[in-house]
Amino acid sequence: MREISVSKITETVKQMCIDANYRLSPDMCDALKKAKESETSELGKEILGSLEENLEIADKEFIPICQDTGMAVFFVEIGQDVHIVDGNLEDAINEGVRQGYCEGYLRKSVVADPIIRENTKDNTPAVIHYSVVPGDGLTLTIAPKGFGSENMSRVFMLKPADGIEGVKNAILTAVKDAGPNACPPMVLGVGIGGTFEKCALMAKKALTRPVGEHSEIPYVKELEEEMLAKINETGIGPGGLGGSVTALAVNILTYPTHIAGLPVAINICCHVNRHVRREV
């Protein structure tokens, strides 16, 4: 049995919040660079150039890469042989978020009640998803999610007869409905299967897969590539002002489902698609 102190978890989470919001992950930097090279529209190239410049300024002057520093979303993989000591795991994560957002001068965007809407003033609580895995490790993945793109996400409860063509249509419908509102070029996380809530969770988790990595399932990999090409044929383009690069990646996860259903969720993320992974 391995013991992990909550103080170590809090310190790790604090730094993850800051790192995710101040520096774009290497896979996203590479994706934006390739997008600029392949974009056919001059205006699109100019917008992508401005996005690159924004990233350089953020890194040089140590300021957030986007003013919407998001709601902190965590995927926690905790080994069954881990014992958390000196406190509570969820409290430790939220304390790390509080410290990271306050000390990192990150925008506090969370309200305590969805109707009363009084700001919590420290960006807590986080949204935390847990999974118990073999071993004595503890892996944390943060994906701060701004709501310009989050608001454009969709869940479709398709019929089995809709098949893969129905899935394709659902993805394209979500993208076209989002248009410029999701701050393209976007990254799409797609969840297929499971239940109403499972497909949405898969769509969110899919966004944390590095851009450029594909599913190991052959037909899913083909679907990712096909949908990326079709989305980029929509002409929405960078900033929604036209061009050949509307999306940087389509990441798909699948799960077994009921004989009577075909749930599909599309979680859209803007061009920053922040994600940081740490072993504690």
C-alpha atoms as a PDB file:
ATOM      1  CA  MET A   1       0.000   0.000   0.000  1.00  0.00           C
ATOM      2  CA  ARG A   2       1.449   3.351  -1.072  1.00  0.00           C
ATOM      3  CA  GLU A   3       0.564   6.442   0.929  1.00  0.00           C
ATOM      4  CA  ILE A   4       0.185   9.838  -0.746  1.00  0.00           C
ATOM      5  CA  SER A   5      -0.276  12.998   1.301  1.00  0.00           C
ATOM      6  CA  VAL A   6      -2.982  15.449   0.268  1.00  0.00           C
ATOM      7  CA  SER A   7      -0.425  18.260   0.463  1.00  0.00           C
ATOM      8  CA  LYS A   8       1.491  16.722  -2.447  1.00  0.00           C
ATOM      9  CA  ILE A   9      -1.726  16.420  -4.450  1.00  0.00           C
ATOM     10  CA  THR A  10      -2.707  20.031  -3.751  1.00  0.00           C
ATOM     11  CA  GLU A  11       0.700  21.345  -4.808  1.00  0.00           C
ATOM     12  CA  THR A  12       0.596  19.275  -8.006  1.00  0.00           C
ATOM     13  CA  VAL A  13      -2.916  20.476  -8.885  1.00  0.00           C
ATOM     14  CA  LYS A  14      -1.977  24.096  -8.202  1.00  0.00           C
ATOM     15  CA  GLN A  15       0.914  23.921 -10.668  1.00  0.00           C
ATOM     16  CA  MET A  16      -1.174  22.051 -13.248  1.00  0.00           C
ATOM     17  CA  CYS A  17      -3.797  24.817 -13.227  1.00  0.00           C
ATOM     18  CA  ILE A  18      -1.127  27.421 -13.901  1.00  0.00           C
ATOM     19  CA  ASP A  19       0.767  25.387 -16.497  1.00  0.00           C
ATOM     20  CA  ALA A  20      -2.375  24.489 -18.455  1.00  0.00           C
ATOM     21  CA  ASN A  21      -3.495  28.095 -18.704  1.00  0.00           C
ATOM     22  CA  TYR A  22      -0.142  29.756 -19.405  1.00  0.00           C
ATOM     23  CA  ARG A  23       1.478  27.397 -21.890  1.00  0.00           C
ATOM     24  CA  LEU A  24      -0.084  25.461 -24.729  1.00  0.00           C
ATOM     25  CA  SER A  25       0.746  21.752 -24.839  1.00  0.00           C
ATOM     26  CA  PRO A  26       3.370  20.696 -27.418  1.00  0.00           C
ATOM     27  CA  ASP A  27       0.848  18.719 -29.496  1.00  0.00           C
ATOM     28  CA  MET A  28      -1.403  21.771 -29.856  1.00  0.00           C
ATOM     29  CA  CYS A  29       1.536  24.028 -30.734  1.00  0.00           C
ATOM     30  CA  ASP A  30       2.553  21.612 -33.487  1.00  0.00           C
ATOM     31  CA  ALA A  31      -1.034  21.358 -34.736  1.00  0.00           C
ATOM     32  CA  LEU A  32      -1.394  25.138 -35.036  1.00  0.00           C
ATOM     33  CA  LYS A  33       1.933  25.390 -36.848  1.00  0.00           C
ATOM     34  CA  LYS A  34       0.869  22.731 -39.368  1.00  0.00           C
ATOM     35  CA  ALA A  35      -2.514  24.425 -39.740  1.00  0.00           C
ATOM     36  CA  LYS A  36      -0.853  27.688 -40.740  1.00  0.00           C
ATOM     37  CA  GLU A  37       1.222  25.874 -43.366  1.00  0.00           C
ATOM     38  CA  SER A  38      -1.783  24.103 -44.869  1.00  0.00           C
ATOM     39  CA  GLU A  39      -4.371  26.923 -44.691  1.00  0.00           C
ATOM     40  CA  THR A  40      -5.303  28.112 -48.181  1.00  0.00           C
ATOM     41  CA  SER A  41      -7.032  31.363 -47.224  1.00  0.00           C
ATOM     42  CA  GLU A  42      -4.817  34.422 -46.771  1.00  0.00           C
ATOM     43  CA  LEU A  43      -7.128  35.748 -44.065  1.00  0.00           C
ATOM     44  CA  GLY A  44      -7.071  32.324 -42.424  1.00  0.00           C
ATOM     45  CA  LYS A  45      -3.258  32.323 -42.462  1.00  0.00           C
ATOM     46  CA  GLU A  46      -3.279  35.797 -40.899  1.00  0.00           C
ATOM     47  CA  ILE A  47      -5.599  34.681 -38.102  1.00  0.00           C
ATOM     48  CA  LEU A  48      -3.504  31.590 -37.391  1.00  0.00           C
ATOM     49  CA  GLY A  49      -0.427  33.816 -37.343  1.00  0.00           C
ATOM     50  CA  SER A  50      -2.113  36.047 -34.768  1.00  0.00           C
ATOM     51  CA  LEU A  51      -2.907  32.985 -32.640  1.00  0.00           C
ATOM     52  CA  GLU A  52       0.754  31.950 -32.782  1.00  0.00           C
ATOM     53  CA  GLU A  53       1.825  35.457 -31.797  1.00  0.00           C
ATOM     54  CA  ASN A  54      -0.616  35.362 -28.884  1.00  0.00           C
ATOM     55  CA  LEU A  55       0.991  32.141 -27.640  1.00  0.00           C
ATOM     56  CA  GLU A  56       4.473  33.650 -27.889  1.00  0.00           C
ATOM     57  CA  ILE A  57       3.415  36.751 -25.933  1.00  0.00           C
ATOM     58  CA  ALA A  58       1.717  34.604 -23.272  1.00  0.00           C
ATOM     59  CA  ASP A  59       4.874  32.522 -22.847  1.00  0.00           C
ATOM     60  CA  LYS A  60       7.244  35.496 -22.832  1.00  0.00           C
ATOM     61  CA  GLU A  61       5.221  37.727 -20.504  1.00  0.00           C
ATOM     62  CA  PHE A  62       3.726  34.886 -18.439  1.00  0.00           C
ATOM     63  CA  ILE A  63       0.078  35.698 -18.999  1.00  0.00           C
ATOM     64  CA  PRO A  64      -2.819  33.303 -19.745  1.00  0.00           C
ATOM     65  CA  ILE A  65      -3.131  32.126 -23.332  1.00  0.00           C
ATOM     66  CA  CYS A  66      -6.879  32.914 -23.180  1.00  0.00           C
ATOM     67  CA  GLN A  67      -8.905  35.253 -20.975  1.00  0.00           C
ATOM     68  CA  ASP A  68     -11.403  32.450 -20.322  1.00  0.00           C
ATOM     69  CA  THR A  69      -9.306  30.202 -18.098  1.00  0.00           C
ATOM     70  CA  GLY A  70     -12.172  27.777 -17.896  1.00  0.00           C
ATOM     71  CA  MET A  71     -13.835  25.541 -15.370  1.00  0.00           C
ATOM     72  CA  ALA A  72     -11.283  23.062 -14.037  1.00  0.00           C
ATOM     73  CA  VAL A  73     -12.109  19.534 -15.209  1.00  0.00           C
ATOM     74  CA  PHE A  74     -10.067  16.625 -13.843  1.00  0.00           C
ATOM     75  CA  PHE A  75      -9.720  12.985 -14.776  1.00  0.00           C
ATOM     76  CA  VAL A  76      -8.284  11.116 -11.796  1.00  0.00           C
ATOM     77  CA  GLU A  77      -6.871   7.604 -12.181  1.00  0.00           C
ATOM     78  CA  ILE A  78      -6.210   6.243  -8.709  1.00  0.00           C
ATOM     79  CA  GLY A  79      -4.528   2.903  -8.115  1.00  0.00           C
ATOM     80  CA  GLN A  80      -6.354   0.434  -5.899  1.00  0.00           C
ATOM     81  CA  ASP A  81      -3.198   0.126  -3.805  1.00  0.00           C
ATOM     82  CA  VAL A  82      -3.055   3.861  -2.986  1.00  0.00           C
ATOM     83  CA  HIS A  83      -4.008   5.285   0.396  1.00  0.00           C
ATOM     84  CA  ILE A  84      -4.606   9.047   0.599  1.00  0.00           C
ATOM     85  CA  VAL A  85      -3.453  10.384   3.969  1.00  0.00           C
ATOM     86  CA  ASP A  86      -3.789  13.620   5.969  1.00  0.00           C
ATOM     87  CA  GLY A  87      -7.082  14.580   4.369  1.00  0.00           C
ATOM     88  CA  ASN A  88      -9.626  14.038   1.623  1.00  0.00           C
ATOM     89  CA  LEU A  89      -8.699  13.595  -2.054  1.00  0.00           C
ATOM     90  CA  GLU A  90     -11.497  15.770  -3.438  1.00  0.00           C
ATOM     91  CA  ASP A  91     -10.787  18.540  -0.936  1.00  0.00           C
ATOM     92  CA  ALA A  92      -7.101  18.375  -1.887  1.00  0.00           C
ATOM     93  CA  ILE A  93      -7.893  18.799  -5.582  1.00  0.00           C
ATOM     94  CA  ASN A  94     -10.224  21.728  -4.956  1.00  0.00           C
ATOM     95  CA  GLU A  95      -7.660  23.386  -2.687  1.00  0.00           C
ATOM     96  CA  GLY A  96      -5.112  23.051  -5.488  1.00  0.00           C
ATOM     97  CA  VAL A  97      -7.561  24.670  -7.905  1.00  0.00           C
ATOM     98  CA  ARG A  98      -8.192  27.496  -5.430  1.00  0.00           C
ATOM     99  CA  GLN A  99      -4.479  28.154  -4.988  1.00  0.00           C
ATOM    100  CA  GLY A 100      -3.698  27.814  -8.684  1.00  0.00           C
ATOM    101  CA  TYR A 101      -6.399  30.197  -9.852  1.00  0.00           C
ATOM    102  CA  CYS A 102      -5.831  32.753  -7.093  1.00  0.00           C
ATOM    103  CA  GLU A 103      -2.024  32.751  -7.053  1.00  0.00           C
ATOM    104  CA  GLY A 104      -1.820  32.376 -10.837  1.00  0.00           C
ATOM    105  CA  TYR A 105      -4.130  35.375 -11.384  1.00  0.00           C
ATOM    106  CA  LEU A 106      -6.453  33.253 -13.488  1.00  0.00           C
ATOM    107  CA  ARG A 107     -10.024  34.354 -14.131  1.00  0.00           C
ATOM    108  CA  LYS A 108     -12.561  32.996 -11.669  1.00  0.00           C
ATOM    109  CA  SER A 109     -15.497  31.824 -13.756  1.00  0.00           C
ATOM    110  CA  VAL A 110     -17.440  29.475 -11.464  1.00  0.00           C
ATOM    111  CA  VAL A 111     -20.758  30.365  -9.817  1.00  0.00           C
ATOM    112  CA  ALA A 112     -21.948  28.464  -6.743  1.00  0.00           C
ATOM    113  CA  ASP A 113     -25.495  27.918  -8.009  1.00  0.00           C
ATOM    114  CA  PRO A 114     -26.630  27.713 -11.652  1.00  0.00           C
ATOM    115  CA  ILE A 115     -29.631  30.000 -11.018  1.00  0.00           C
ATOM    116  CA  ILE A 116     -28.539  32.328  -8.195  1.00  0.00           C
ATOM    117  CA  ARG A 117     -25.131  32.691  -9.902  1.00  0.00           C
ATOM    118  CA  GLU A 118     -22.959  34.122  -7.140  1.00  0.00           C
ATOM    119  CA  ASN A 119     -19.271  33.746  -8.044  1.00  0.00           C
ATOM    120  CA  THR A 120     -17.247  31.441  -5.766  1.00  0.00           C
ATOM    121  CA  LYS A 121     -14.268  33.802  -6.266  1.00  0.00           C
ATOM    122  CA  ASP A 122     -11.688  30.995  -6.482  1.00  0.00           C
ATOM    123  CA  ASN A 123     -12.911  28.908  -9.446  1.00  0.00           C
ATOM    124  CA  THR A 124     -13.943  26.004  -7.240  1.00  0.00           C
ATOM    125  CA  PRO A 125     -15.406  23.478  -7.237  1.00  0.00           C
ATOM    126  CA  ALA A 126     -13.713  21.535 -10.003  1.00  0.00           C
ATOM    127  CA  VAL A 127     -15.523  18.883 -12.018  1.00  0.00           C
ATOM    128  CA  ILE A 128     -13.795  15.624 -11.115  1.00  0.00           C
ATOM    129  CA  HIS A 129     -14.123  12.218 -12.776  1.00  0.00           C
ATOM    130  CA  TYR A 130     -12.603   9.223 -10.959  1.00  0.00           C
ATOM    131  CA  SER A 131     -11.539   5.804 -12.141  1.00  0.00           C
ATOM    132  CA  VAL A 132      -9.933   3.092 -10.007  1.00  0.00           C
ATOM    133  CA  VAL A 133      -7.098   1.271 -11.762  1.00  0.00           C
ATOM    134  CA  PRO A 134      -4.639  -1.491 -10.797  1.00  0.00           C
ATOM    135  CA  GLY A 135      -1.396  -0.587  -9.004  1.00  0.00           C
ATOM    136  CA  ASP A 136      -0.209   2.156  -6.679  1.00  0.00           C
ATOM    137  CA  GLY A 137      -0.143   5.137  -9.034  1.00  0.00           C
ATOM    138  CA  LEU A 138      -2.103   8.370  -9.043  1.00  0.00           C
ATOM    139  CA  THR A 139      -2.469  10.151 -12.378  1.00  0.00           C
ATOM    140  CA  LEU A 140      -4.162  13.515 -12.735  1.00  0.00           C
ATOM    141  CA  THR A 141      -5.258  15.070 -16.017  1.00  0.00           C
ATOM    142  CA  ILE A 142      -6.598  18.618 -16.086  1.00  0.00           C
ATOM    143  CA  ALA A 143      -8.605  20.001 -18.989  1.00  0.00           C
ATOM    144  CA  PRO A 144      -9.741  23.563 -18.181  1.00  0.00           C
ATOM    145  CA  LYS A 145     -12.852  24.174 -20.278  1.00  0.00           C
ATOM    146  CA  GLY A 146     -13.987  27.568 -21.453  1.00  0.00           C
ATOM    147  CA  PHE A 147     -17.671  27.872 -22.207  1.00  0.00           C
ATOM    148  CA  GLY A 148     -17.531  29.546 -25.605  1.00  0.00           C
ATOM    149  CA  SER A 149     -16.848  26.086 -27.005  1.00  0.00           C
ATOM    150  CA  GLU A 150     -18.515  24.079 -24.208  1.00  0.00           C
ATOM    151  CA  ASN A 151     -21.852  25.731 -25.004  1.00  0.00           C
ATOM    152  CA  MET A 152     -21.612  24.435 -28.568  1.00  0.00           C
ATOM    153  CA  SER A 153     -21.386  20.772 -27.516  1.00  0.00           C
ATOM    154  CA  ARG A 154     -24.193  18.309 -28.266  1.00  0.00           C
ATOM    155  CA  VAL A 155     -25.627  14.921 -27.334  1.00  0.00           C
ATOM    156  CA  PHE A 156     -27.621  12.947 -29.917  1.00  0.00           C
ATOM    157  CA  MET A 157     -29.625   9.868 -28.905  1.00  0.00           C
ATOM    158  CA  LEU A 158     -29.636   8.129 -32.261  1.00  0.00           C
ATOM    159  CA  LYS A 159     -31.419   4.924 -33.236  1.00  0.00           C
ATOM    160  CA  PRO A 160     -29.315   1.859 -34.108  1.00  0.00           C
ATOM    161  CA  ALA A 161     -30.680   2.042 -37.654  1.00  0.00           C
ATOM    162  CA  ASP A 162     -29.030   5.463 -38.053  1.00  0.00           C
ATOM    163  CA  GLY A 163     -25.701   3.643 -38.068  1.00  0.00           C
ATOM    164  CA  ILE A 164     -22.359   5.214 -38.848  1.00  0.00           C
ATOM    165  CA  GLU A 165     -23.904   7.644 -41.356  1.00  0.00           C
ATOM    166  CA  GLY A 166     -26.075   8.984 -38.553  1.00  0.00           C
ATOM    167  CA  VAL A 167     -22.972   9.451 -36.416  1.00  0.00           C
ATOM    168  CA  LYS A 168     -21.259  11.362 -39.218  1.00  0.00           C
ATOM    169  CA  ASN A 169     -24.303  13.578 -39.681  1.00  0.00           C
ATOM    170  CA  ALA A 170     -24.465  14.290 -35.925  1.00  0.00           C
ATOM    171  CA  ILE A 171     -20.819  15.394 -35.865  1.00  0.00           C
ATOM    172  CA  LEU A 172     -21.211  17.666 -38.887  1.00  0.00           C
ATOM    173  CA  THR A 173     -24.462  19.105 -37.504  1.00  0.00           C
ATOM    174  CA  ALA A 174     -22.727  20.030 -34.241  1.00  0.00           C
ATOM    175  CA  VAL A 175     -19.857  21.713 -36.103  1.00  0.00           C
ATOM    176  CA  LYS A 176     -22.099  23.656 -38.484  1.00  0.00           C
ATOM    177  CA  ASP A 177     -24.361  24.792 -35.638  1.00  0.00           C
ATOM    178  CA  ALA A 178     -21.289  25.957 -33.690  1.00  0.00           C
ATOM    179  CA  GLY A 179     -19.888  27.944 -36.609  1.00  0.00           C
ATOM    180  CA  PRO A 180     -17.563  30.697 -35.335  1.00  0.00           C
ATOM    181  CA  ASN A 181     -18.814  30.499 -31.733  1.00  0.00           C
ATOM    182  CA  ALA A 182     -16.387  27.741 -30.717  1.00  0.00           C
ATOM    183  CA  CYS A 183     -13.303  29.824 -31.658  1.00  0.00           C
ATOM    184  CA  PRO A 184     -12.069  27.653 -34.546  1.00  0.00           C
ATOM    185  CA  PRO A 185      -9.844  25.995 -35.503  1.00  0.00           C
ATOM    186  CA  MET A 186     -11.446  23.582 -33.058  1.00  0.00           C
ATOM    187  CA  VAL A 187     -10.724  20.148 -31.660  1.00  0.00           C
ATOM    188  CA  LEU A 188     -13.605  17.689 -31.419  1.00  0.00           C
ATOM    189  CA  GLY A 189     -13.953  15.026 -28.764  1.00  0.00           C
ATOM    190  CA  VAL A 190     -16.566  12.453 -29.738  1.00  0.00           C
ATOM    191  CA  GLY A 191     -18.071   9.709 -27.589  1.00  0.00           C
ATOM    192  CA  ILE A 192     -20.044   6.917 -29.253  1.00  0.00           C
ATOM    193  CA  GLY A 193     -21.950   4.297 -27.267  1.00  0.00           C
ATOM    194  CA  GLY A 194     -22.612   3.728 -23.602  1.00  0.00           C
ATOM    195  CA  THR A 195     -25.510   5.733 -22.210  1.00  0.00           C
ATOM    196  CA  PHE A 196     -26.611   9.381 -22.209  1.00  0.00           C
ATOM    197  CA  GLU A 197     -23.991  10.398 -19.633  1.00  0.00           C
ATOM    198  CA  LYS A 198     -21.270   7.922 -20.656  1.00  0.00           C
ATOM    199  CA  CYS A 199     -21.006   9.201 -24.229  1.00  0.00           C
ATOM    200  CA  ALA A 200     -20.664  12.792 -22.948  1.00  0.00           C
ATOM    201  CA  LEU A 201     -17.912  11.773 -20.533  1.00  0.00           C
ATOM    202  CA  MET A 202     -16.057   9.960 -23.321  1.00  0.00           C
ATOM    203  CA  ALA A 203     -16.334  13.015 -25.559  1.00  0.00           C
ATOM    204  CA  LYS A 204     -14.758  15.182 -22.856  1.00  0.00           C
ATOM    205  CA  LYS A 205     -12.002  12.654 -22.144  1.00  0.00           C
ATOM    206  CA  ALA A 206     -11.251  12.267 -25.859  1.00  0.00           C
ATOM    207  CA  LEU A 207     -10.150  15.910 -25.932  1.00  0.00           C
ATOM    208  CA  THR A 208      -7.219  15.034 -23.631  1.00  0.00           C
ATOM    209  CA  ARG A 209      -5.722  12.632 -26.193  1.00  0.00           C
ATOM    210  CA  PRO A 210      -2.768  14.326 -27.910  1.00  0.00           C
ATOM    211  CA  VAL A 211      -3.589  15.774 -31.314  1.00  0.00           C
ATOM    212  CA  GLY A 212      -2.151  13.534 -34.004  1.00  0.00           C
ATOM    213  CA  GLU A 213      -2.734  10.284 -32.103  1.00  0.00           C
ATOM    214  CA  HIS A 214      -5.526   8.104 -33.460  1.00  0.00           C
ATOM    215  CA  SER A 215      -7.744   5.351 -32.125  1.00  0.00           C
ATOM    216  CA  GLU A 216      -6.290   1.842 -32.255  1.00  0.00           C
ATOM    217  CA  ILE A 217      -9.614   0.587 -33.653  1.00  0.00           C
ATOM    218  CA  PRO A 218      -9.263   0.636 -37.475  1.00  0.00           C
ATOM    219  CA  TYR A 219     -12.786   1.853 -38.348  1.00  0.00           C
ATOM    220  CA  VAL A 220     -12.637   4.519 -35.631  1.00  0.00           C
ATOM    221  CA  LYS A 221      -9.297   5.794 -36.942  1.00  0.00           C
ATOM    222  CA  GLU A 222     -10.809   5.981 -40.439  1.00  0.00           C
ATOM    223  CA  LEU A 223     -13.823   7.837 -39.047  1.00  0.00           C
ATOM    224  CA  GLU A 224     -11.575  10.357 -37.268  1.00  0.00           C
ATOM    225  CA  GLU A 225      -9.682  11.072 -40.485  1.00  0.00           C
ATOM    226  CA  GLU A 226     -12.817  11.226 -42.630  1.00  0.00           C
ATOM    227  CA  MET A 227     -14.635  13.586 -40.272  1.00  0.00           C
ATOM    228  CA  LEU A 228     -11.625  15.902 -39.977  1.00  0.00           C
ATOM    229  CA  ALA A 229     -11.527  16.181 -43.776  1.00  0.00           C
ATOM    230  CA  LYS A 230     -15.277  16.799 -44.036  1.00  0.00           C
ATOM    231  CA  ILE A 231     -15.250  19.401 -41.257  1.00  0.00           C
ATOM    232  CA  ASN A 232     -12.447  21.257 -42.995  1.00  0.00           C
ATOM    233  CA  GLU A 233     -14.510  21.233 -46.197  1.00  0.00           C
ATOM    234  CA  THR A 234     -17.237  23.287 -44.480  1.00  0.00           C
ATOM    235  CA  GLY A 235     -15.218  26.459 -45.078  1.00  0.00           C
ATOM    236  CA  ILE A 236     -15.881  27.860 -41.589  1.00  0.00           C
ATOM    237  CA  GLY A 237     -12.141  28.398 -41.209  1.00  0.00           C
ATOM    238  CA  PRO A 238      -9.992  30.087 -38.552  1.00  0.00           C
ATOM    239  CA  GLY A 239     -12.006  32.493 -36.444  1.00  0.00           C
ATOM    240  CA  GLY A 240     -15.083  31.515 -38.454  1.00  0.00           C
ATOM    241  CA  LEU A 241     -13.993  33.893 -41.216  1.00  0.00           C
ATOM    242  CA  GLY A 242     -13.502  31.312 -43.932  1.00  0.00           C
ATOM    243  CA  GLY A 243     -10.696  28.960 -44.820  1.00  0.00           C
ATOM    244  CA  SER A 244      -9.609  25.361 -45.139  1.00  0.00           C
ATOM    245  CA  VAL A 245      -8.719  24.700 -41.467  1.00  0.00           C
ATOM    246  CA  THR A 246     -11.858  24.560 -39.349  1.00  0.00           C
ATOM    247  CA  ALA A 247     -10.665  21.730 -37.093  1.00  0.00           C
ATOM    248  CA  LEU A 248      -7.281  20.487 -35.976  1.00  0.00           C
ATOM    249  CA  ALA A 249      -8.359  17.022 -34.866  1.00  0.00           C
ATOM    250  CA  VAL A 250     -11.289  14.692 -34.261  1.00  0.00           C
ATOM    251  CA  ASN A 251     -10.684  12.310 -31.344  1.00  0.00           C
ATOM    252  CA  ILE A 252     -13.225   9.518 -30.896  1.00  0.00           C
ATOM    253  CA  LEU A 253     -13.826   7.065 -28.035  1.00  0.00           C
ATOM    254  CA  THR A 254     -16.338   4.200 -28.153  1.00  0.00           C
ATOM    255  CA  TYR A 255     -18.031   1.967 -25.574  1.00  0.00           C
ATOM    256  CA  PRO A 256     -20.537  -0.916 -25.631  1.00  0.00           C
ATOM    257  CA  THR A 257     -24.166   0.201 -25.676  1.00  0.00           C
ATOM    258  CA  HIS A 258     -27.740  -1.089 -25.427  1.00  0.00           C
ATOM    259  CA  ILE A 259     -29.360  -2.951 -28.318  1.00  0.00           C
ATOM    260  CA  ALA A 260     -31.933  -0.158 -28.647  1.00  0.00           C
ATOM    261  CA  GLY A 261     -29.603   2.835 -28.680  1.00  0.00           C
ATOM    262  CA  LEU A 262     -26.746   4.694 -30.352  1.00  0.00           C
ATOM    263  CA  PRO A 263     -25.753   7.635 -28.125  1.00  0.00           C
ATOM    264  CA  VAL A 264     -23.339  10.155 -29.647  1.00  0.00           C
ATOM    265  CA  ALA A 265     -21.788  13.146 -27.879  1.00  0.00           C
ATOM    266  CA  ILE A 266     -19.673  15.884 -29.437  1.00  0.00           C
ATOM    267  CA  ASN A 267     -17.634  18.016 -27.048  1.00  0.00           C
ATOM    268  CA  ILE A 268     -16.112  20.901 -28.985  1.00  0.00           C
ATOM    269  CA  CYS A 269     -13.002  22.717 -27.774  1.00  0.00           C
ATOM    270  CA  CYS A 270     -11.439  25.895 -29.102  1.00  0.00           C
ATOM    271  CA  HIS A 271      -7.972  26.139 -30.625  1.00  0.00           C
ATOM    272  CA  VAL A 272      -6.150  26.065 -27.252  1.00  0.00           C
ATOM    273  CA  ASN A 273      -7.613  22.704 -26.087  1.00  0.00           C
ATOM    274  CA  ARG A 274      -5.746  22.882 -22.781  1.00  0.00           C
ATOM    275  CA  HIS A 275      -4.680  19.625 -21.125  1.00  0.00           C
ATOM    276  CA  VAL A 276      -1.900  18.658 -18.711  1.00  0.00           C
ATOM    277  CA  ARG A 277      -1.185  15.210 -17.282  1.00  0.00           C
ATOM    278  CA  ARG A 278       0.872  14.513 -14.154  1.00  0.00           C
ATOM    279  CA  GLU A 279       1.894  11.478 -12.122  1.00  0.00           C
ATOM    280  CA  VAL A 280       1.792  12.119  -8.366  1.00  0.00           C
END
